[in-house]
């Protein structure tokens, strides 16, 4: 878990960041859809709606497949499950797929559309 040095008005302090990493993902985090996220999927991608914030996000085909993999797991979707589900569908090296999925999960988590739901 990385540490961040942060300057405050009353002095300096160290704060622990709880950012999820590829290694954390590989080591057993379950992913779940946030209760305020809604989705609609089509053949070319999809649309996500954050009903709490009133924001709409479009998904390309890969993003939609990642979303569907998370959604199908009902809060029990591991990173490995997502990689294994998408691997046969795309002709990219597994290492690239792992990096891309990790980056996408971080983005979805930062937006509050998914959340880590525990460990394997």
N, C-alpha and C. Protein backbone atom coordinates (compact mmCIF):
# COMPACT_ATOMS: atom_id res chain seq x y z
N UNK A 1 0.85 -1.17 0.00
CA UNK A 1 0.00 0.00 0.00
C UNK A 1 0.90 1.23 0.00
N UNK A 2 0.81 2.08 -1.02
CA UNK A 2 1.71 3.24 -1.10
C UNK A 2 1.38 4.28 -0.04
N UNK A 3 2.43 4.97 0.41
CA UNK A 3 2.25 6.06 1.35
C UNK A 3 2.39 7.38 0.61
N UNK A 4 1.63 8.35 1.03
CA UNK A 4 1.70 9.66 0.41
C UNK A 4 2.03 10.68 1.48
N UNK A 5 3.00 11.53 1.19
CA UNK A 5 3.36 12.61 2.10
C UNK A 5 2.51 13.81 1.76
N UNK A 6 1.79 14.32 2.74
CA UNK A 6 0.86 15.42 2.49
C UNK A 6 1.14 16.57 3.45
N UNK A 7 1.26 17.77 2.91
CA UNK A 7 1.48 18.98 3.70
C UNK A 7 0.12 19.54 4.12
N UNK A 8 -0.03 19.82 5.42
CA UNK A 8 -1.27 20.42 5.92
C UNK A 8 -0.94 21.73 6.63
N UNK A 9 -1.96 22.46 7.01
CA UNK A 9 -1.75 23.74 7.69
C UNK A 9 -1.09 23.57 9.04
N UNK A 10 -1.34 22.45 9.70
CA UNK A 10 -0.79 22.25 11.04
C UNK A 10 0.51 21.46 11.03
N UNK A 11 1.03 21.17 9.87
CA UNK A 11 2.28 20.42 9.80
C UNK A 11 2.20 19.38 8.71
N UNK A 12 3.13 18.47 8.75
CA UNK A 12 3.18 17.41 7.74
C UNK A 12 2.68 16.12 8.35
N UNK A 13 2.10 15.30 7.51
CA UNK A 13 1.66 14.00 7.99
C UNK A 13 1.76 12.99 6.86
N UNK A 14 1.91 11.74 7.23
CA UNK A 14 1.89 10.67 6.25
C UNK A 14 0.49 10.08 6.22
N UNK A 15 0.00 9.84 5.01
CA UNK A 15 -1.31 9.22 4.88
C UNK A 15 -1.18 7.98 4.02
N UNK A 16 -1.88 6.94 4.39
CA UNK A 16 -1.89 5.72 3.63
C UNK A 16 -2.97 5.80 2.57
N UNK A 17 -2.63 5.51 1.33
CA UNK A 17 -3.62 5.46 0.28
C UNK A 17 -4.09 4.02 0.14
N UNK A 18 -5.38 3.83 -0.09
CA UNK A 18 -5.91 2.48 -0.25
C UNK A 18 -6.25 2.20 -1.70
N UNK A 19 -5.43 2.73 -2.60
CA UNK A 19 -5.64 2.52 -4.02
C UNK A 19 -5.40 1.06 -4.37
N UNK A 20 -6.30 0.49 -5.17
CA UNK A 20 -6.17 -0.88 -5.59
C UNK A 20 -5.14 -0.97 -6.72
N UNK A 21 -4.28 -1.98 -6.67
CA UNK A 21 -3.26 -2.15 -7.70
C UNK A 21 -3.54 -3.41 -8.50
N UNK A 22 -2.82 -3.59 -9.60
CA UNK A 22 -2.97 -4.83 -10.37
C UNK A 22 -2.71 -6.02 -9.47
N UNK A 23 -1.69 -5.94 -8.63
CA UNK A 23 -1.39 -7.06 -7.73
C UNK A 23 -2.53 -7.32 -6.76
N UNK A 24 -3.16 -6.25 -6.24
CA UNK A 24 -4.32 -6.43 -5.37
C UNK A 24 -5.42 -7.15 -6.14
N UNK A 25 -5.65 -6.69 -7.38
CA UNK A 25 -6.67 -7.32 -8.21
C UNK A 25 -6.37 -8.80 -8.40
N UNK A 26 -5.12 -9.11 -8.67
CA UNK A 26 -4.73 -10.50 -8.89
C UNK A 26 -4.85 -11.31 -7.62
N UNK A 27 -4.74 -10.66 -6.47
CA UNK A 27 -4.73 -11.38 -5.20
C UNK A 27 -6.09 -11.49 -4.56
N UNK A 28 -7.16 -11.34 -5.31
CA UNK A 28 -8.44 -11.75 -4.79
C UNK A 28 -9.45 -10.72 -4.39
N UNK A 29 -9.52 -9.59 -5.05
CA UNK A 29 -10.59 -8.64 -4.76
C UNK A 29 -11.81 -9.04 -5.58
N UNK A 30 -12.96 -9.05 -4.95
CA UNK A 30 -14.22 -9.23 -5.67
C UNK A 30 -14.73 -7.84 -6.07
N UNK A 31 -15.32 -7.75 -7.25
CA UNK A 31 -15.87 -6.48 -7.72
C UNK A 31 -17.39 -6.57 -7.81
N UNK A 32 -18.05 -5.47 -7.44
CA UNK A 32 -19.51 -5.41 -7.47
C UNK A 32 -19.95 -4.08 -8.07
N UNK A 33 -21.10 -4.10 -8.69
CA UNK A 33 -21.71 -2.90 -9.25
C UNK A 33 -22.26 -2.06 -8.10
N UNK A 34 -22.02 -0.77 -8.12
CA UNK A 34 -22.59 0.12 -7.10
C UNK A 34 -24.11 0.16 -7.24
N UNK A 35 -24.82 0.28 -6.13
CA UNK A 35 -26.29 0.25 -6.19
C UNK A 35 -26.90 1.41 -6.96
N UNK A 36 -26.15 2.49 -7.15
CA UNK A 36 -26.71 3.65 -7.87
C UNK A 36 -26.32 3.67 -9.34
N UNK A 37 -25.75 2.56 -9.85
CA UNK A 37 -25.36 2.49 -11.26
C UNK A 37 -26.38 1.67 -12.04
N UNK A 38 -26.75 2.17 -13.20
CA UNK A 38 -27.67 1.47 -14.10
C UNK A 38 -26.98 1.34 -15.45
N UNK A 39 -27.30 0.29 -16.19
CA UNK A 39 -26.65 0.09 -17.48
C UNK A 39 -27.64 -0.34 -18.55
N UNK A 40 -27.29 0.00 -19.78
CA UNK A 40 -27.99 -0.46 -20.97
C UNK A 40 -26.91 -0.86 -21.96
N UNK A 41 -27.01 -2.06 -22.52
CA UNK A 41 -25.98 -2.55 -23.43
C UNK A 41 -26.56 -2.80 -24.81
N UNK A 42 -25.71 -2.62 -25.81
CA UNK A 42 -26.05 -2.91 -27.20
C UNK A 42 -24.92 -3.69 -27.84
N UNK A 43 -24.97 -3.88 -29.15
CA UNK A 43 -23.95 -4.68 -29.84
C UNK A 43 -22.61 -3.96 -29.93
N UNK A 44 -22.59 -2.64 -29.89
CA UNK A 44 -21.36 -1.87 -30.04
C UNK A 44 -20.83 -1.28 -28.74
N UNK A 45 -21.49 -1.53 -27.63
CA UNK A 45 -21.06 -0.95 -26.36
C UNK A 45 -22.25 -0.78 -25.44
N UNK A 46 -22.21 0.28 -24.65
CA UNK A 46 -23.30 0.50 -23.71
C UNK A 46 -23.28 1.88 -23.11
N UNK A 47 -24.22 2.09 -22.20
CA UNK A 47 -24.35 3.36 -21.51
C UNK A 47 -24.53 3.06 -20.03
N UNK A 48 -23.79 3.79 -19.19
CA UNK A 48 -23.94 3.69 -17.74
C UNK A 48 -24.55 4.98 -17.23
N UNK A 49 -25.42 4.85 -16.27
CA UNK A 49 -26.03 6.01 -15.64
C UNK A 49 -25.79 5.95 -14.14
N UNK A 50 -25.22 7.01 -13.61
CA UNK A 50 -25.05 7.15 -12.17
C UNK A 50 -26.26 7.95 -11.69
N UNK A 51 -27.26 7.27 -11.14
CA UNK A 51 -28.49 7.95 -10.76
C UNK A 51 -28.32 8.85 -9.55
N UNK A 52 -27.27 8.62 -8.77
CA UNK A 52 -26.99 9.46 -7.61
C UNK A 52 -26.43 10.82 -8.03
N UNK A 53 -25.53 10.81 -9.01
CA UNK A 53 -24.88 12.03 -9.47
C UNK A 53 -25.52 12.61 -10.72
N UNK A 54 -26.40 11.84 -11.37
CA UNK A 54 -27.03 12.29 -12.60
C UNK A 54 -26.08 12.34 -13.77
N UNK A 55 -25.07 11.45 -13.79
CA UNK A 55 -24.08 11.43 -14.86
C UNK A 55 -24.27 10.20 -15.74
N UNK A 56 -23.97 10.37 -17.02
CA UNK A 56 -24.10 9.31 -18.00
C UNK A 56 -22.74 9.05 -18.63
N UNK A 57 -22.37 7.79 -18.79
CA UNK A 57 -21.09 7.41 -19.38
C UNK A 57 -21.34 6.44 -20.54
N UNK A 58 -20.62 6.63 -21.63
CA UNK A 58 -20.73 5.67 -22.73
C UNK A 58 -19.59 4.66 -22.63
N UNK A 59 -19.86 3.43 -23.04
CA UNK A 59 -18.88 2.35 -23.00
C UNK A 59 -18.62 1.86 -24.41
N UNK A 60 -17.34 1.65 -24.73
CA UNK A 60 -17.05 0.98 -25.99
C UNK A 60 -17.29 -0.52 -25.79
N UNK A 61 -17.03 -1.30 -26.81
CA UNK A 61 -17.30 -2.74 -26.75
C UNK A 61 -16.55 -3.42 -25.62
N UNK A 62 -15.27 -3.09 -25.46
CA UNK A 62 -14.46 -3.71 -24.40
C UNK A 62 -14.99 -3.32 -23.02
N UNK A 63 -15.28 -2.03 -22.84
CA UNK A 63 -15.83 -1.57 -21.57
C UNK A 63 -17.14 -2.26 -21.24
N UNK A 64 -17.97 -2.44 -22.24
CA UNK A 64 -19.26 -3.11 -22.02
C UNK A 64 -19.05 -4.56 -21.60
N UNK A 65 -18.08 -5.23 -22.21
CA UNK A 65 -17.82 -6.64 -21.85
C UNK A 65 -17.27 -6.75 -20.43
N UNK A 66 -16.44 -5.80 -20.03
CA UNK A 66 -15.94 -5.78 -18.65
C UNK A 66 -17.11 -5.56 -17.70
N UNK A 67 -17.97 -4.60 -18.03
CA UNK A 67 -19.13 -4.31 -17.18
C UNK A 67 -20.02 -5.55 -17.05
N UNK A 68 -20.29 -6.22 -18.16
CA UNK A 68 -21.14 -7.41 -18.13
C UNK A 68 -20.52 -8.53 -17.31
N UNK A 69 -19.19 -8.66 -17.36
CA UNK A 69 -18.51 -9.67 -16.55
C UNK A 69 -18.68 -9.37 -15.07
N UNK A 70 -18.57 -8.11 -14.69
CA UNK A 70 -18.76 -7.72 -13.28
C UNK A 70 -20.22 -7.94 -12.88
N UNK A 71 -21.12 -7.49 -13.73
CA UNK A 71 -22.55 -7.59 -13.44
C UNK A 71 -23.00 -9.04 -13.28
N UNK A 72 -22.45 -9.94 -14.10
CA UNK A 72 -22.87 -11.34 -14.06
C UNK A 72 -22.43 -12.05 -12.78
N UNK A 73 -21.44 -11.48 -12.09
CA UNK A 73 -20.93 -12.13 -10.88
C UNK A 73 -21.68 -11.81 -9.62
N UNK A 74 -22.64 -10.89 -9.67
CA UNK A 74 -23.44 -10.55 -8.49
C UNK A 74 -22.59 -10.27 -7.25
N UNK A 75 -21.56 -9.44 -7.42
CA UNK A 75 -20.71 -9.08 -6.29
C UNK A 75 -19.60 -10.06 -5.99
N UNK A 76 -19.46 -11.09 -6.82
CA UNK A 76 -18.45 -12.12 -6.60
C UNK A 76 -17.52 -12.26 -7.80
N UNK A 77 -17.28 -11.17 -8.53
CA UNK A 77 -16.46 -11.22 -9.72
C UNK A 77 -15.02 -10.85 -9.39
N UNK A 78 -14.11 -11.76 -9.61
CA UNK A 78 -12.70 -11.50 -9.36
C UNK A 78 -12.05 -10.93 -10.61
N UNK A 79 -10.92 -10.31 -10.42
CA UNK A 79 -10.14 -9.79 -11.53
C UNK A 79 -9.80 -10.91 -12.51
N UNK A 80 -9.39 -12.04 -11.98
CA UNK A 80 -9.03 -13.18 -12.81
C UNK A 80 -10.21 -13.65 -13.65
N UNK A 81 -11.41 -13.63 -13.06
CA UNK A 81 -12.61 -14.02 -13.81
C UNK A 81 -12.83 -13.08 -15.01
N UNK A 82 -12.65 -11.79 -14.79
CA UNK A 82 -12.83 -10.82 -15.87
C UNK A 82 -11.80 -11.05 -16.97
N UNK A 83 -10.54 -11.23 -16.59
CA UNK A 83 -9.48 -11.47 -17.58
C UNK A 83 -9.77 -12.75 -18.35
N UNK A 84 -10.16 -13.80 -17.66
CA UNK A 84 -10.44 -15.08 -18.34
C UNK A 84 -11.66 -14.99 -19.24
N UNK A 85 -12.65 -14.20 -18.86
CA UNK A 85 -13.85 -14.04 -19.68
C UNK A 85 -13.55 -13.26 -20.95
N UNK A 86 -12.68 -12.26 -20.87
CA UNK A 86 -12.39 -11.42 -22.03
C UNK A 86 -11.26 -11.96 -22.90
N UNK A 87 -10.35 -12.72 -22.32
CA UNK A 87 -9.18 -13.21 -23.04
C UNK A 87 -9.47 -13.84 -24.39
N UNK A 88 -10.40 -14.80 -24.45
CA UNK A 88 -10.67 -15.46 -25.73
C UNK A 88 -11.36 -14.55 -26.76
N UNK A 89 -11.90 -13.43 -26.32
CA UNK A 89 -12.66 -12.56 -27.21
C UNK A 89 -11.80 -11.54 -27.95
N UNK A 90 -10.54 -11.36 -27.51
CA UNK A 90 -9.69 -10.34 -28.10
C UNK A 90 -8.31 -10.91 -28.41
N UNK A 91 -7.71 -10.43 -29.48
CA UNK A 91 -6.39 -10.92 -29.89
C UNK A 91 -5.30 -9.95 -29.45
N UNK A 92 -5.15 -9.81 -28.15
CA UNK A 92 -4.08 -8.99 -27.57
C UNK A 92 -3.32 -9.86 -26.58
N UNK A 93 -2.04 -9.55 -26.33
CA UNK A 93 -1.31 -10.32 -25.32
C UNK A 93 -1.99 -10.22 -23.96
N UNK A 94 -1.94 -11.29 -23.21
CA UNK A 94 -2.59 -11.33 -21.89
C UNK A 94 -2.10 -10.21 -20.98
N UNK A 95 -0.81 -9.88 -21.03
CA UNK A 95 -0.26 -8.82 -20.19
C UNK A 95 -0.93 -7.48 -20.49
N UNK A 96 -1.17 -7.22 -21.77
CA UNK A 96 -1.84 -5.97 -22.14
C UNK A 96 -3.29 -5.99 -21.66
N UNK A 97 -3.95 -7.12 -21.81
CA UNK A 97 -5.33 -7.24 -21.35
C UNK A 97 -5.41 -7.00 -19.84
N UNK A 98 -4.47 -7.56 -19.09
CA UNK A 98 -4.43 -7.38 -17.63
C UNK A 98 -4.27 -5.91 -17.29
N UNK A 99 -3.33 -5.22 -17.94
CA UNK A 99 -3.12 -3.78 -17.67
C UNK A 99 -4.35 -2.96 -18.03
N UNK A 100 -4.94 -3.25 -19.19
CA UNK A 100 -6.11 -2.48 -19.65
C UNK A 100 -7.31 -2.67 -18.73
N UNK A 101 -7.55 -3.91 -18.32
CA UNK A 101 -8.68 -4.18 -17.42
C UNK A 101 -8.44 -3.52 -16.07
N UNK A 102 -7.22 -3.61 -15.56
CA UNK A 102 -6.91 -2.97 -14.29
C UNK A 102 -7.15 -1.46 -14.36
N UNK A 103 -6.69 -0.84 -15.43
CA UNK A 103 -6.89 0.60 -15.60
C UNK A 103 -8.38 0.95 -15.66
N UNK A 104 -9.13 0.14 -16.38
CA UNK A 104 -10.56 0.38 -16.51
C UNK A 104 -11.28 0.22 -15.17
N UNK A 105 -10.91 -0.82 -14.41
CA UNK A 105 -11.52 -1.02 -13.09
C UNK A 105 -11.22 0.15 -12.17
N UNK A 106 -9.99 0.66 -12.21
CA UNK A 106 -9.63 1.83 -11.39
C UNK A 106 -10.52 3.03 -11.74
N UNK A 107 -10.73 3.22 -13.05
CA UNK A 107 -11.54 4.35 -13.50
C UNK A 107 -12.99 4.19 -13.04
N UNK A 108 -13.54 3.01 -13.19
CA UNK A 108 -14.92 2.76 -12.74
C UNK A 108 -15.04 2.95 -11.23
N UNK A 109 -14.02 2.48 -10.49
CA UNK A 109 -14.05 2.63 -9.04
C UNK A 109 -13.94 4.10 -8.64
N UNK A 110 -13.06 4.85 -9.31
CA UNK A 110 -12.90 6.27 -9.01
C UNK A 110 -14.20 7.03 -9.25
N UNK A 111 -14.94 6.63 -10.27
CA UNK A 111 -16.22 7.27 -10.59
C UNK A 111 -17.35 6.79 -9.66
N UNK A 112 -17.07 5.78 -8.85
CA UNK A 112 -18.07 5.27 -7.92
C UNK A 112 -19.07 4.32 -8.55
N UNK A 113 -18.74 3.77 -9.73
CA UNK A 113 -19.67 2.89 -10.43
C UNK A 113 -19.52 1.43 -10.02
N UNK A 114 -18.34 1.07 -9.52
CA UNK A 114 -18.11 -0.26 -8.96
C UNK A 114 -17.40 -0.08 -7.62
N UNK A 115 -17.38 -1.15 -6.85
CA UNK A 115 -16.67 -1.10 -5.58
C UNK A 115 -16.08 -2.47 -5.29
N UNK A 116 -14.98 -2.44 -4.55
CA UNK A 116 -14.39 -3.68 -4.08
C UNK A 116 -15.32 -4.24 -3.02
N UNK A 117 -15.69 -5.50 -3.21
CA UNK A 117 -16.70 -6.10 -2.33
C UNK A 117 -16.13 -7.14 -1.41
N UNK A 118 -14.82 -7.17 -1.22
CA UNK A 118 -14.21 -8.14 -0.33
C UNK A 118 -13.18 -8.97 -1.03
N UNK A 119 -12.65 -9.94 -0.31
CA UNK A 119 -11.59 -10.78 -0.86
C UNK A 119 -12.05 -12.17 -1.16
N UNK A 120 -11.25 -12.83 -1.98
CA UNK A 120 -11.55 -14.22 -2.36
C UNK A 120 -11.24 -15.13 -1.19
